[in-house]
N, C-alpha and C. Protein backbone atom coordinates (compact mmCIF):
# COMPACT_ATOMS: atom_id res chain seq x y z
N UNK A 1 0.73 -1.21 0.01
CA UNK A 1 0.03 0.08 -0.07
C UNK A 1 0.83 1.21 -0.02
N UNK A 2 0.47 2.24 -0.79
CA UNK A 2 1.27 3.56 -0.75
C UNK A 2 0.32 4.55 -0.28
N UNK A 3 1.00 5.48 0.55
CA UNK A 3 0.25 6.57 1.15
C UNK A 3 1.07 7.83 0.97
N UNK A 4 0.32 8.96 0.79
CA UNK A 4 0.78 10.14 0.58
C UNK A 4 1.82 10.64 1.62
N UNK A 5 3.01 11.05 1.20
CA UNK A 5 4.11 11.46 2.04
C UNK A 5 4.30 13.03 1.90
N UNK A 6 4.57 13.38 0.69
CA UNK A 6 4.74 14.86 0.45
C UNK A 6 4.41 15.23 -1.10
N UNK A 7 4.06 16.49 -1.26
CA UNK A 7 3.86 17.06 -2.52
C UNK A 7 5.16 17.73 -2.89
N UNK A 8 5.35 17.71 -4.30
CA UNK A 8 6.69 18.22 -4.72
C UNK A 8 6.53 19.23 -5.95
N UNK A 9 7.03 20.43 -5.60
CA UNK A 9 7.17 21.51 -6.57
C UNK A 9 8.53 21.31 -7.29
N UNK A 10 8.76 21.05 -8.52
CA UNK A 10 9.93 20.86 -9.13
C UNK A 10 10.34 22.24 -9.93
N UNK A 11 11.41 22.82 -9.34
CA UNK A 11 11.75 24.16 -9.88
C UNK A 11 12.97 24.21 -10.63
N UNK A 12 13.02 25.20 -11.67
CA UNK A 12 14.36 25.35 -12.36
C UNK A 12 15.44 25.89 -11.37
N UNK A 13 15.07 26.73 -10.35
CA UNK A 13 15.95 27.20 -9.34
C UNK A 13 15.20 27.25 -8.14
N UNK A 14 15.78 27.08 -6.95
CA UNK A 14 15.15 27.17 -5.67
C UNK A 14 14.56 28.45 -5.44
N UNK A 15 15.09 29.44 -5.78
CA UNK A 15 14.46 30.86 -5.55
C UNK A 15 13.31 31.02 -6.35
N UNK A 16 13.29 30.47 -7.55
CA UNK A 16 11.87 30.61 -8.41
C UNK A 16 10.77 29.74 -7.68
N UNK A 17 11.13 28.57 -7.10
CA UNK A 17 10.23 27.77 -6.53
C UNK A 17 9.70 28.50 -5.15
N UNK A 18 10.52 28.96 -4.41
CA UNK A 18 10.20 29.63 -3.23
C UNK A 18 9.25 30.83 -3.47
N UNK A 19 9.63 31.59 -4.54
CA UNK A 19 8.73 32.72 -4.87
C UNK A 19 7.44 32.35 -5.33
N UNK A 20 7.29 31.12 -6.06
CA UNK A 20 6.03 30.75 -6.54
C UNK A 20 5.15 30.22 -5.33
N UNK A 21 5.75 29.51 -4.33
CA UNK A 21 4.99 29.21 -3.15
C UNK A 21 4.51 30.40 -2.39
N UNK A 22 5.42 31.41 -2.35
CA UNK A 22 4.97 32.60 -1.55
C UNK A 22 3.82 33.34 -2.29
N UNK A 23 3.81 33.46 -3.45
CA UNK A 23 2.83 33.99 -4.33
C UNK A 23 1.60 33.19 -4.18
N UNK A 24 1.51 31.94 -4.16
CA UNK A 24 0.47 31.10 -4.07
C UNK A 24 -0.18 31.13 -2.75
N UNK A 25 0.65 31.23 -1.74
CA UNK A 25 0.17 30.71 -0.37
C UNK A 25 0.27 31.93 0.61
N UNK A 26 1.08 33.01 0.23
CA UNK A 26 1.36 33.97 1.15
C UNK A 26 2.06 33.56 2.29
N UNK A 27 3.05 32.60 2.14
CA UNK A 27 3.68 32.00 3.24
C UNK A 27 5.25 31.97 2.67
N UNK A 28 6.14 32.22 3.69
CA UNK A 28 7.59 31.95 3.41
C UNK A 28 7.92 30.56 3.97
N UNK A 29 8.70 29.87 3.22
CA UNK A 29 9.19 28.47 3.65
C UNK A 29 10.57 28.52 4.04
N UNK A 30 10.93 27.98 5.11
CA UNK A 30 12.25 28.15 5.75
C UNK A 30 13.02 26.91 5.93
N UNK A 31 12.30 25.76 6.23
CA UNK A 31 12.92 24.48 6.55
C UNK A 31 13.45 23.95 5.24
N UNK A 32 14.67 23.34 5.25
CA UNK A 32 15.18 22.68 4.00
C UNK A 32 16.47 22.06 4.45
N UNK A 33 16.92 21.32 3.35
CA UNK A 33 18.22 20.53 3.47
C UNK A 33 18.78 20.51 2.05
N UNK A 34 20.11 19.88 2.06
CA UNK A 34 20.59 19.57 0.78
C UNK A 34 20.74 18.04 0.66
N UNK A 35 20.83 17.51 -0.54
CA UNK A 35 20.90 16.07 -0.86
C UNK A 35 22.08 15.82 -1.57
N UNK A 36 23.23 15.56 -0.92
CA UNK A 36 24.58 15.23 -1.63
C UNK A 36 24.43 14.18 -2.69
N UNK A 37 23.65 13.11 -2.31
CA UNK A 37 23.56 11.91 -3.17
C UNK A 37 23.00 12.28 -4.52
N UNK A 38 22.10 13.37 -4.55
CA UNK A 38 21.41 13.78 -5.81
C UNK A 38 21.92 15.20 -6.46
N UNK A 39 22.68 15.95 -5.62
CA UNK A 39 23.06 17.20 -6.13
C UNK A 39 21.88 18.22 -6.13
N UNK A 40 20.98 18.05 -5.22
CA UNK A 40 19.83 18.89 -5.11
C UNK A 40 19.72 19.63 -3.68
N UNK A 41 18.74 20.60 -3.63
CA UNK A 41 18.36 21.07 -2.40
C UNK A 41 16.96 21.44 -2.38
N UNK A 42 16.47 21.73 -1.13
CA UNK A 42 14.97 21.95 -1.09
C UNK A 42 14.64 22.99 0.01
N UNK A 43 13.35 23.41 -0.06
CA UNK A 43 12.73 24.13 1.13
C UNK A 43 11.41 23.35 1.31
N UNK A 44 10.97 23.32 2.63
CA UNK A 44 9.79 22.44 3.09
C UNK A 44 8.84 23.16 3.81
N UNK A 45 7.54 22.94 3.72
CA UNK A 45 6.44 23.52 4.45
C UNK A 45 5.66 22.21 5.01
N UNK A 46 5.45 22.34 6.31
CA UNK A 46 4.63 21.45 6.97
C UNK A 46 3.16 21.57 6.77
N UNK A 47 2.43 20.60 6.29
CA UNK A 47 1.06 20.59 5.95
C UNK A 47 0.24 19.70 6.92
N UNK A 48 0.80 19.18 7.93
CA UNK A 48 0.05 18.35 8.94
C UNK A 48 1.17 17.53 9.79
N UNK A 49 0.67 16.60 10.51
CA UNK A 49 1.67 15.80 11.26
C UNK A 49 2.63 14.91 10.52
N UNK A 50 2.10 14.40 9.31
CA UNK A 50 2.84 13.45 8.56
C UNK A 50 2.91 13.88 7.07
N UNK A 51 2.44 14.97 6.70
CA UNK A 51 2.43 15.39 5.29
C UNK A 51 3.24 16.81 5.27
N UNK A 52 3.91 17.01 4.15
CA UNK A 52 4.57 18.26 3.83
C UNK A 52 4.58 18.64 2.40
N UNK A 53 5.01 19.71 2.12
CA UNK A 53 5.20 20.15 0.62
C UNK A 53 6.78 20.55 0.52
N UNK A 54 7.33 20.20 -0.53
CA UNK A 54 8.75 20.60 -0.82
C UNK A 54 8.87 21.22 -2.14
N UNK A 55 9.78 22.20 -2.15
CA UNK A 55 10.27 22.80 -3.43
C UNK A 55 11.58 22.24 -3.56
N UNK A 56 11.97 21.63 -4.76
CA UNK A 56 13.15 21.15 -5.03
C UNK A 56 13.79 21.61 -6.30
N UNK A 57 15.08 21.71 -6.26
CA UNK A 57 15.85 22.12 -7.54
C UNK A 57 17.26 21.61 -7.49
N UNK A 58 17.98 21.79 -8.59
CA UNK A 58 19.40 21.43 -8.60
C UNK A 58 20.14 22.52 -7.72
N UNK A 59 20.94 21.97 -6.90
CA UNK A 59 21.89 22.76 -6.16
C UNK A 59 23.13 23.10 -6.93
N UNK A 60 23.26 24.46 -7.31
CA UNK A 60 24.42 24.78 -8.05
C UNK A 60 25.76 24.72 -7.30
N UNK A 61 25.69 24.60 -5.98
CA UNK A 61 27.01 24.45 -5.27
C UNK A 61 27.42 22.96 -5.12
N UNK A 62 26.63 22.00 -5.54
CA UNK A 62 26.96 20.55 -5.37
C UNK A 62 27.46 19.99 -6.52
N UNK A 63 28.38 19.07 -6.46
CA UNK A 63 28.92 18.40 -7.67
C UNK A 63 27.73 17.46 -8.22
N UNK A 64 27.76 17.26 -9.60
CA UNK A 64 26.68 16.46 -10.22
C UNK A 64 26.89 15.08 -9.81
N UNK A 65 25.97 14.26 -9.48
CA UNK A 65 26.02 12.81 -9.06
C UNK A 65 26.38 12.00 -10.34
N UNK A 66 26.84 10.75 -10.01
CA UNK A 66 27.24 9.97 -11.10
C UNK A 66 26.05 9.45 -11.76
N UNK A 67 24.79 9.57 -11.20
CA UNK A 67 23.60 8.88 -11.73
C UNK A 67 22.67 10.12 -11.96
N UNK A 68 21.49 9.88 -12.61
CA UNK A 68 20.43 10.80 -12.83
C UNK A 68 20.00 11.42 -11.51
N UNK A 69 19.64 12.61 -11.54
CA UNK A 69 19.00 13.20 -10.25
C UNK A 69 17.49 12.70 -10.28
N UNK A 70 16.93 12.78 -9.12
CA UNK A 70 15.49 12.39 -9.07
C UNK A 70 14.67 13.56 -9.48
N UNK A 71 13.31 13.21 -9.58
CA UNK A 71 12.35 14.23 -10.11
C UNK A 71 12.63 14.89 -11.56
N UNK A 72 13.29 14.16 -12.31
CA UNK A 72 13.65 14.68 -13.70
C UNK A 72 14.68 15.78 -13.66
N UNK A 73 15.39 16.16 -12.60
CA UNK A 73 16.06 17.36 -12.47
C UNK A 73 17.34 17.40 -13.20
N UNK A 74 17.78 16.12 -13.85
CA UNK A 74 18.87 16.01 -14.86
C UNK A 74 18.49 16.54 -16.21
N UNK A 75 17.33 16.89 -16.49
CA UNK A 75 16.85 17.44 -17.70
C UNK A 75 16.31 18.82 -17.55
N UNK A 76 17.17 19.76 -17.42
CA UNK A 76 16.74 21.11 -17.13
C UNK A 76 15.86 21.80 -18.15
N UNK A 77 16.06 21.31 -19.39
CA UNK A 77 15.15 22.01 -20.38
C UNK A 77 13.68 21.61 -20.13
N UNK A 78 13.59 20.32 -19.85
CA UNK A 78 12.17 19.80 -19.52
C UNK A 78 11.55 20.47 -18.30
N UNK A 79 12.41 20.60 -17.27
CA UNK A 79 11.95 21.25 -16.16
C UNK A 79 11.56 22.56 -16.39
N UNK A 80 12.32 23.34 -17.20
CA UNK A 80 12.03 24.68 -17.50
C UNK A 80 10.62 24.77 -18.30
N UNK A 81 10.49 23.93 -19.37
CA UNK A 81 9.33 23.94 -20.23
C UNK A 81 8.08 23.64 -19.29
N UNK A 82 8.21 22.70 -18.46
CA UNK A 82 7.05 22.32 -17.58
C UNK A 82 6.65 23.56 -16.58
N UNK A 83 7.76 24.14 -16.22
CA UNK A 83 7.56 25.41 -15.23
C UNK A 83 6.82 26.45 -16.01
N UNK A 84 7.22 26.80 -17.37
CA UNK A 84 6.61 27.79 -18.08
C UNK A 84 5.16 27.48 -18.41
N UNK A 85 4.88 26.25 -18.53
CA UNK A 85 3.52 25.80 -18.85
C UNK A 85 2.65 25.93 -17.57
N UNK A 86 3.20 26.13 -16.39
CA UNK A 86 2.49 26.22 -15.15
C UNK A 86 2.27 24.88 -14.45
N UNK A 87 3.07 23.89 -14.96
CA UNK A 87 3.10 22.62 -14.20
C UNK A 87 4.17 22.76 -13.18
N UNK A 88 3.94 23.28 -12.00
CA UNK A 88 4.86 23.59 -11.05
C UNK A 88 4.80 22.62 -9.82
N UNK A 89 3.66 22.49 -9.27
CA UNK A 89 3.33 21.36 -8.35
C UNK A 89 3.25 20.10 -9.37
N UNK A 90 4.40 19.61 -9.54
CA UNK A 90 4.68 18.62 -10.64
C UNK A 90 4.25 17.24 -10.29
N UNK A 91 4.41 16.85 -9.04
CA UNK A 91 4.26 15.42 -8.79
C UNK A 91 4.20 15.23 -7.13
N UNK A 92 4.28 14.05 -6.67
CA UNK A 92 4.12 13.71 -5.28
C UNK A 92 4.94 12.55 -4.89
N UNK A 93 5.15 12.33 -3.60
CA UNK A 93 5.87 11.14 -3.19
C UNK A 93 5.09 10.34 -2.14
N UNK A 94 5.13 9.00 -2.33
CA UNK A 94 4.30 8.15 -1.39
C UNK A 94 5.30 7.25 -0.63
N UNK A 95 4.84 6.99 0.64
CA UNK A 95 5.44 5.97 1.47
C UNK A 95 4.94 4.61 1.29
N UNK A 96 5.86 3.69 1.19
CA UNK A 96 5.48 2.23 1.06
C UNK A 96 5.53 1.49 2.27
N UNK A 97 4.58 0.80 2.54
CA UNK A 97 4.67 0.01 3.81
C UNK A 97 5.50 -1.23 3.82
N UNK A 98 5.70 -1.71 2.38
CA UNK A 98 6.68 -2.75 2.05
C UNK A 98 7.41 -2.42 0.87
N UNK A 99 8.46 -1.66 0.93
CA UNK A 99 9.21 -0.93 -0.27
C UNK A 99 9.79 -2.11 -1.11
N UNK A 100 10.30 -3.07 -0.55
CA UNK A 100 11.01 -4.18 -1.49
C UNK A 100 9.99 -4.93 -2.24
N UNK A 101 8.87 -5.19 -1.58
CA UNK A 101 7.77 -5.84 -2.30
C UNK A 101 7.10 -4.89 -3.38
N UNK A 102 6.99 -3.68 -3.14
CA UNK A 102 6.60 -2.72 -4.15
C UNK A 102 7.37 -2.59 -5.27
N UNK A 103 8.73 -2.65 -5.03
CA UNK A 103 9.66 -2.48 -6.12
C UNK A 103 9.71 -3.80 -7.01
N UNK A 104 9.51 -4.88 -6.47
CA UNK A 104 9.49 -6.08 -7.13
C UNK A 104 8.26 -6.24 -8.01
N UNK A 105 7.21 -5.81 -7.36
CA UNK A 105 5.95 -6.02 -7.98
C UNK A 105 5.56 -4.87 -9.03
N UNK A 106 6.04 -3.65 -8.92
CA UNK A 106 5.75 -2.53 -9.72
C UNK A 106 6.98 -1.69 -10.32
N UNK A 107 8.00 -2.36 -10.38
CA UNK A 107 9.23 -1.73 -10.95
C UNK A 107 9.07 -1.16 -12.27
N UNK A 108 8.21 -1.88 -13.02
CA UNK A 108 7.92 -1.33 -14.41
C UNK A 108 7.27 0.06 -14.38
N UNK A 109 6.53 0.19 -13.37
CA UNK A 109 5.80 1.52 -13.30
C UNK A 109 6.58 2.63 -12.47
N UNK A 110 7.38 2.20 -11.58
CA UNK A 110 8.02 3.10 -10.58
C UNK A 110 9.46 3.23 -10.78
N UNK A 111 10.18 2.32 -11.44
CA UNK A 111 11.69 2.40 -11.54
C UNK A 111 12.33 1.40 -10.44
N UNK A 112 13.52 1.59 -10.41
CA UNK A 112 14.39 0.70 -9.52
C UNK A 112 14.57 1.48 -8.16
N UNK A 113 15.35 0.96 -7.37
CA UNK A 113 15.60 1.56 -5.99
C UNK A 113 17.17 2.09 -5.83
N UNK A 114 17.10 3.32 -5.18
CA UNK A 114 18.51 3.89 -4.94
C UNK A 114 18.51 4.33 -3.63
N UNK A 115 19.75 4.19 -2.95
CA UNK A 115 20.07 4.66 -1.66
C UNK A 115 20.23 6.14 -1.72
N UNK A 116 19.40 6.86 -0.96
CA UNK A 116 19.48 8.38 -0.84
C UNK A 116 19.99 8.91 0.45
N UNK A 117 20.57 7.92 1.27
CA UNK A 117 21.21 8.43 2.47
C UNK A 117 20.29 8.31 3.74
N UNK A 118 20.84 8.37 4.88
CA UNK A 118 20.02 8.28 6.21
C UNK A 118 19.34 6.97 6.19
N UNK A 119 19.72 5.94 5.52
CA UNK A 119 18.95 4.70 5.45
C UNK A 119 17.74 4.62 4.68
N UNK A 120 17.44 5.66 3.91
CA UNK A 120 16.32 5.84 3.14
C UNK A 120 16.43 5.26 1.69
N UNK A 121 15.40 4.74 1.10
CA UNK A 121 15.53 4.21 -0.29
C UNK A 121 14.47 4.99 -1.12
N UNK A 122 14.79 5.18 -2.34
CA UNK A 122 13.90 5.99 -3.27
C UNK A 122 13.79 5.19 -4.55
N UNK A 123 12.54 5.42 -5.21
CA UNK A 123 12.32 4.75 -6.52
C UNK A 123 12.90 5.72 -7.59
N UNK A 124 13.64 5.18 -8.56
CA UNK A 124 14.19 6.06 -9.52
C UNK A 124 14.42 5.31 -10.81
N UNK A 125 13.93 5.80 -11.92
CA UNK A 125 14.26 5.22 -13.34
C UNK A 125 15.72 5.59 -13.61
N UNK A 126 16.33 4.74 -14.57
CA UNK A 126 17.72 4.77 -14.93
C UNK A 126 18.09 6.21 -15.53
N UNK A 127 17.18 6.78 -16.23
CA UNK A 127 17.29 8.16 -16.77
C UNK A 127 16.66 9.23 -15.88
N UNK A 128 16.10 8.92 -14.70
CA UNK A 128 15.66 9.95 -13.83
C UNK A 128 14.27 10.44 -14.28
N UNK A 129 13.53 9.91 -15.18
CA UNK A 129 12.24 10.62 -15.52
C UNK A 129 11.30 10.27 -14.48
N UNK A 130 10.27 11.04 -14.42
CA UNK A 130 9.14 10.92 -13.55
C UNK A 130 8.31 9.80 -13.94
N UNK A 131 7.81 8.97 -12.98
CA UNK A 131 6.85 7.84 -13.25
C UNK A 131 5.61 8.23 -13.96
N UNK A 132 5.40 7.77 -15.12
CA UNK A 132 4.32 8.15 -15.98
C UNK A 132 4.12 9.73 -16.07
N UNK A 133 5.27 10.34 -16.29
CA UNK A 133 5.53 11.89 -16.50
C UNK A 133 4.86 12.48 -15.38
N UNK A 134 5.06 11.99 -14.11
CA UNK A 134 4.51 12.50 -12.91
C UNK A 134 3.14 12.13 -12.43
N UNK A 135 2.37 11.41 -13.30
CA UNK A 135 1.09 10.82 -12.95
C UNK A 135 1.14 9.99 -11.60
N UNK A 136 2.19 9.10 -11.64
CA UNK A 136 2.39 8.33 -10.51
C UNK A 136 3.38 8.98 -9.55
N UNK A 137 3.30 8.58 -8.36
CA UNK A 137 4.31 9.07 -7.43
C UNK A 137 5.63 8.46 -7.40
N UNK A 138 6.75 9.11 -7.21
CA UNK A 138 7.83 8.35 -6.64
C UNK A 138 7.59 7.72 -5.23
N UNK A 139 8.49 6.68 -4.80
CA UNK A 139 8.14 5.97 -3.69
C UNK A 139 9.40 6.04 -2.67
N UNK A 140 9.11 6.27 -1.46
CA UNK A 140 10.10 6.44 -0.49
C UNK A 140 9.99 5.39 0.55
N UNK A 141 11.10 4.75 1.04
CA UNK A 141 11.19 3.95 2.18
C UNK A 141 12.07 4.70 3.30
N UNK A 142 11.41 5.03 4.38
CA UNK A 142 12.14 5.68 5.47
C UNK A 142 12.63 4.81 6.42
N UNK A 143 12.89 3.57 6.14
CA UNK A 143 13.52 2.42 7.08
C UNK A 143 12.97 2.57 8.52
N UNK A 144 11.49 2.73 8.61
CA UNK A 144 10.87 2.75 9.91
C UNK A 144 10.76 4.00 10.73
N UNK A 145 11.53 5.07 10.09
CA UNK A 145 11.57 6.33 10.78
C UNK A 145 10.28 7.04 10.43
N UNK A 146 9.93 8.06 11.38
CA UNK A 146 8.92 8.93 11.01
C UNK A 146 9.36 9.90 10.08
N UNK A 147 8.45 10.34 9.23
CA UNK A 147 8.80 11.54 8.32
C UNK A 147 9.29 12.71 8.91
N UNK A 148 9.72 13.63 8.20
CA UNK A 148 10.29 15.02 8.73
C UNK A 148 9.19 16.05 9.22
N UNK A 149 8.02 15.86 8.80
CA UNK A 149 6.91 16.97 8.85
C UNK A 149 6.87 17.48 10.34
N UNK A 150 6.77 16.47 11.39
CA UNK A 150 6.61 16.80 12.66
C UNK A 150 7.73 17.69 13.25
N UNK A 151 8.80 17.82 12.66
CA UNK A 151 9.99 18.48 13.22
C UNK A 151 10.09 19.81 12.49
N UNK A 152 9.20 20.22 11.48
CA UNK A 152 9.30 21.36 10.76
C UNK A 152 8.55 22.50 11.51
N UNK A 153 8.99 23.70 11.05
CA UNK A 153 8.31 24.89 11.68
C UNK A 153 6.87 24.82 11.35
N UNK A 154 6.11 25.27 12.38
CA UNK A 154 4.52 25.23 12.27
C UNK A 154 4.15 26.70 11.87
N UNK A 155 3.47 26.70 10.69
CA UNK A 155 2.90 27.97 10.05
C UNK A 155 1.56 27.90 10.01
N UNK A 156 0.86 26.83 10.49
CA UNK A 156 -0.56 26.68 10.52
C UNK A 156 -1.14 26.36 9.09
N UNK A 157 -0.29 25.73 8.32
CA UNK A 157 -0.80 25.29 7.04
C UNK A 157 -1.23 23.84 7.02
N UNK A 158 -2.29 23.57 6.37
CA UNK A 158 -2.78 22.23 6.30
C UNK A 158 -3.42 21.87 4.84
N UNK A 159 -3.03 20.76 4.42
CA UNK A 159 -3.50 20.31 3.18
C UNK A 159 -5.12 19.96 3.21
N UNK A 160 -5.85 20.59 2.56
CA UNK A 160 -7.29 20.55 2.59
C UNK A 160 -7.76 19.68 1.34
N UNK A 161 -7.14 19.71 0.25
CA UNK A 161 -7.68 19.12 -0.94
C UNK A 161 -6.42 18.95 -1.91
N UNK A 162 -6.46 17.81 -2.56
CA UNK A 162 -5.22 17.46 -3.53
C UNK A 162 -5.94 16.72 -4.73
N UNK A 163 -5.71 17.37 -5.91
CA UNK A 163 -6.32 16.77 -7.08
C UNK A 163 -5.27 16.79 -8.22
N UNK A 164 -5.55 15.66 -9.10
CA UNK A 164 -4.82 15.49 -10.28
C UNK A 164 -5.81 15.61 -11.48
N UNK A 165 -5.68 16.55 -12.50
CA UNK A 165 -6.49 16.57 -13.63
C UNK A 165 -5.58 15.79 -14.64
N UNK A 166 -6.40 14.95 -15.54
CA UNK A 166 -5.67 14.21 -16.55
C UNK A 166 -6.71 13.87 -17.71
N UNK A 167 -6.36 13.89 -18.94
CA UNK A 167 -7.34 13.61 -20.02
C UNK A 167 -7.76 12.13 -19.95
N UNK A 168 -7.27 11.26 -19.25
CA UNK A 168 -7.68 9.84 -19.24
C UNK A 168 -7.79 9.33 -17.80
N UNK A 169 -8.84 10.08 -17.09
CA UNK A 169 -8.89 9.79 -15.70
C UNK A 169 -9.24 8.31 -15.27
N UNK A 170 -9.99 7.70 -16.15
CA UNK A 170 -10.35 6.30 -15.88
C UNK A 170 -9.13 5.38 -15.84
N UNK A 171 -8.22 5.57 -16.79
CA UNK A 171 -6.91 4.83 -17.00
C UNK A 171 -6.11 5.06 -15.70
N UNK A 172 -5.93 6.26 -15.39
CA UNK A 172 -5.06 6.68 -14.18
C UNK A 172 -5.68 6.11 -13.05
N UNK A 173 -6.99 6.14 -12.88
CA UNK A 173 -7.57 5.62 -11.73
C UNK A 173 -7.36 3.95 -11.59
N UNK A 174 -7.31 3.23 -12.66
CA UNK A 174 -7.08 1.98 -12.73
C UNK A 174 -5.62 1.56 -12.24
N UNK A 175 -4.78 2.44 -12.64
CA UNK A 175 -3.32 2.32 -12.32
C UNK A 175 -3.09 2.55 -10.66
N UNK A 176 -3.83 3.50 -10.28
CA UNK A 176 -3.81 3.89 -8.87
C UNK A 176 -4.44 2.61 -8.04
N UNK A 177 -5.48 2.10 -8.59
CA UNK A 177 -6.02 0.98 -7.91
C UNK A 177 -4.96 -0.19 -7.84
N UNK A 178 -4.32 -0.50 -9.02
CA UNK A 178 -3.36 -1.50 -9.01
C UNK A 178 -2.21 -1.24 -8.06
N UNK A 179 -1.86 -0.09 -7.78
CA UNK A 179 -0.68 0.18 -6.75
C UNK A 179 -1.34 0.25 -5.57
N UNK A 180 -2.53 0.30 -5.19
CA UNK A 180 -3.24 0.34 -3.83
C UNK A 180 -2.73 1.65 -3.23
N UNK A 181 -3.02 2.72 -3.97
CA UNK A 181 -2.58 4.02 -3.36
C UNK A 181 -3.68 4.39 -2.34
N UNK A 182 -3.15 4.92 -1.26
CA UNK A 182 -4.10 5.45 -0.22
C UNK A 182 -3.86 6.95 0.09
N UNK A 183 -4.87 7.64 0.11
CA UNK A 183 -4.70 9.17 0.45
C UNK A 183 -3.94 9.82 -0.68
N UNK A 184 -4.16 9.40 -1.95
CA UNK A 184 -3.53 10.03 -3.02
C UNK A 184 -4.49 11.18 -3.54
N UNK A 185 -4.13 11.82 -4.66
CA UNK A 185 -4.89 12.96 -5.27
C UNK A 185 -6.28 12.39 -5.70
N UNK A 186 -7.27 13.16 -5.69
CA UNK A 186 -8.53 12.95 -6.27
C UNK A 186 -8.32 13.15 -7.79
N UNK A 187 -8.70 12.28 -8.59
CA UNK A 187 -8.48 12.22 -10.03
C UNK A 187 -9.77 12.80 -10.70
N UNK A 188 -9.55 13.86 -11.48
CA UNK A 188 -10.55 14.55 -12.28
C UNK A 188 -10.21 14.61 -13.70
N UNK A 189 -11.17 14.66 -14.71
CA UNK A 189 -10.91 14.91 -15.95
C UNK A 189 -10.31 16.42 -16.36
N UNK A 190 -9.41 16.44 -17.14
CA UNK A 190 -8.81 17.78 -17.65
C UNK A 190 -8.16 17.75 -18.82
N UNK A 191 -7.81 18.79 -19.49
CA UNK A 191 -7.16 18.76 -20.80
C UNK A 191 -5.72 18.23 -20.76
N UNK A 192 -5.01 18.28 -19.58
CA UNK A 192 -3.59 17.85 -19.56
C UNK A 192 -3.31 17.46 -18.14
N UNK A 193 -2.13 16.90 -17.90
CA UNK A 193 -1.77 16.66 -16.53
C UNK A 193 -1.54 17.86 -15.72
N UNK A 194 -2.21 18.00 -14.60
CA UNK A 194 -1.98 19.17 -13.80
C UNK A 194 -2.56 18.88 -12.30
N UNK A 195 -1.66 19.24 -11.47
CA UNK A 195 -1.94 19.01 -10.00
C UNK A 195 -2.40 20.36 -9.45
N UNK A 196 -3.17 20.32 -8.36
CA UNK A 196 -3.50 21.50 -7.59
C UNK A 196 -3.75 20.98 -6.19
N UNK A 197 -3.31 21.85 -5.26
CA UNK A 197 -3.53 21.51 -3.89
C UNK A 197 -4.07 22.81 -3.19
N UNK A 198 -5.24 22.52 -2.46
CA UNK A 198 -5.89 23.58 -1.79
C UNK A 198 -5.32 23.49 -0.25
N UNK A 199 -4.65 24.43 0.20
CA UNK A 199 -4.04 24.52 1.55
C UNK A 199 -4.73 25.67 2.39
N UNK A 200 -5.19 25.10 3.49
CA UNK A 200 -5.69 26.10 4.56
C UNK A 200 -4.52 26.69 5.26
N UNK A 201 -4.52 28.12 5.17
CA UNK A 201 -3.53 28.88 5.81
C UNK A 201 -4.11 29.81 6.91
N UNK A 202 -3.45 30.43 7.63
CA UNK A 202 -3.89 31.32 8.61
C UNK A 202 -4.87 32.55 8.01
N UNK A 203 -4.51 32.81 6.77
CA UNK A 203 -5.20 33.81 5.93
C UNK A 203 -6.27 33.12 5.01
N UNK A 204 -6.61 31.99 5.32
CA UNK A 204 -7.75 31.31 4.55
C UNK A 204 -7.11 30.30 3.50
N UNK A 205 -8.05 29.70 2.76
CA UNK A 205 -7.58 28.77 1.76
C UNK A 205 -6.94 29.41 0.56
N UNK A 206 -5.68 28.76 0.26
CA UNK A 206 -4.97 29.21 -0.89
C UNK A 206 -4.73 27.98 -1.83
N UNK A 207 -4.40 28.17 -3.01
CA UNK A 207 -4.31 27.05 -4.10
C UNK A 207 -2.98 27.11 -4.64
N UNK A 208 -2.17 25.88 -4.53
CA UNK A 208 -0.95 25.88 -5.05
C UNK A 208 -1.00 24.92 -6.33
N UNK A 209 -0.41 25.35 -7.48
CA UNK A 209 -0.46 24.79 -8.64
C UNK A 209 0.95 24.59 -9.09
């Protein structure tokens, strides 16, 4: 079974991603870390006790990894094109209750597994592309640890609604059922792949896209 872990804004630069979140939510995000294994860095916003949102981008101060970066970030032209189209909340990450079995059973959909440090494992295709172009989540195994949301700064933001628009919602729903996805986005018909999240903030509901 797969359960929502966090939402992911994939940005051409971290500054652009932070600015986008600020304009959407009227909130600054401060928590973050670097990922030496991937050559990326992020900023994170707590959305509940177990759920958060991250902005992630290539870290220009880090050496490039020997393998593709996660979230398609080894392909900057594609990241930029998606960003300019408004596909900024680009994908999400799910926690697996049995990561090894998930990879054995659904590696064709999710990719292989890579060690991302701190005992965590992550699903990743050999060229780093997003699973089903971001329709499916990447999968994380936190090795029995709780996620980081509970240790993040509390800004009073909470995830109220998470939706995925897609031109073939029935097909997407069938794949979600196959993967036994719990607490994923609501799937709706739409002209193209697009995520949106309604987030309750101290200033009322705001929409992140």
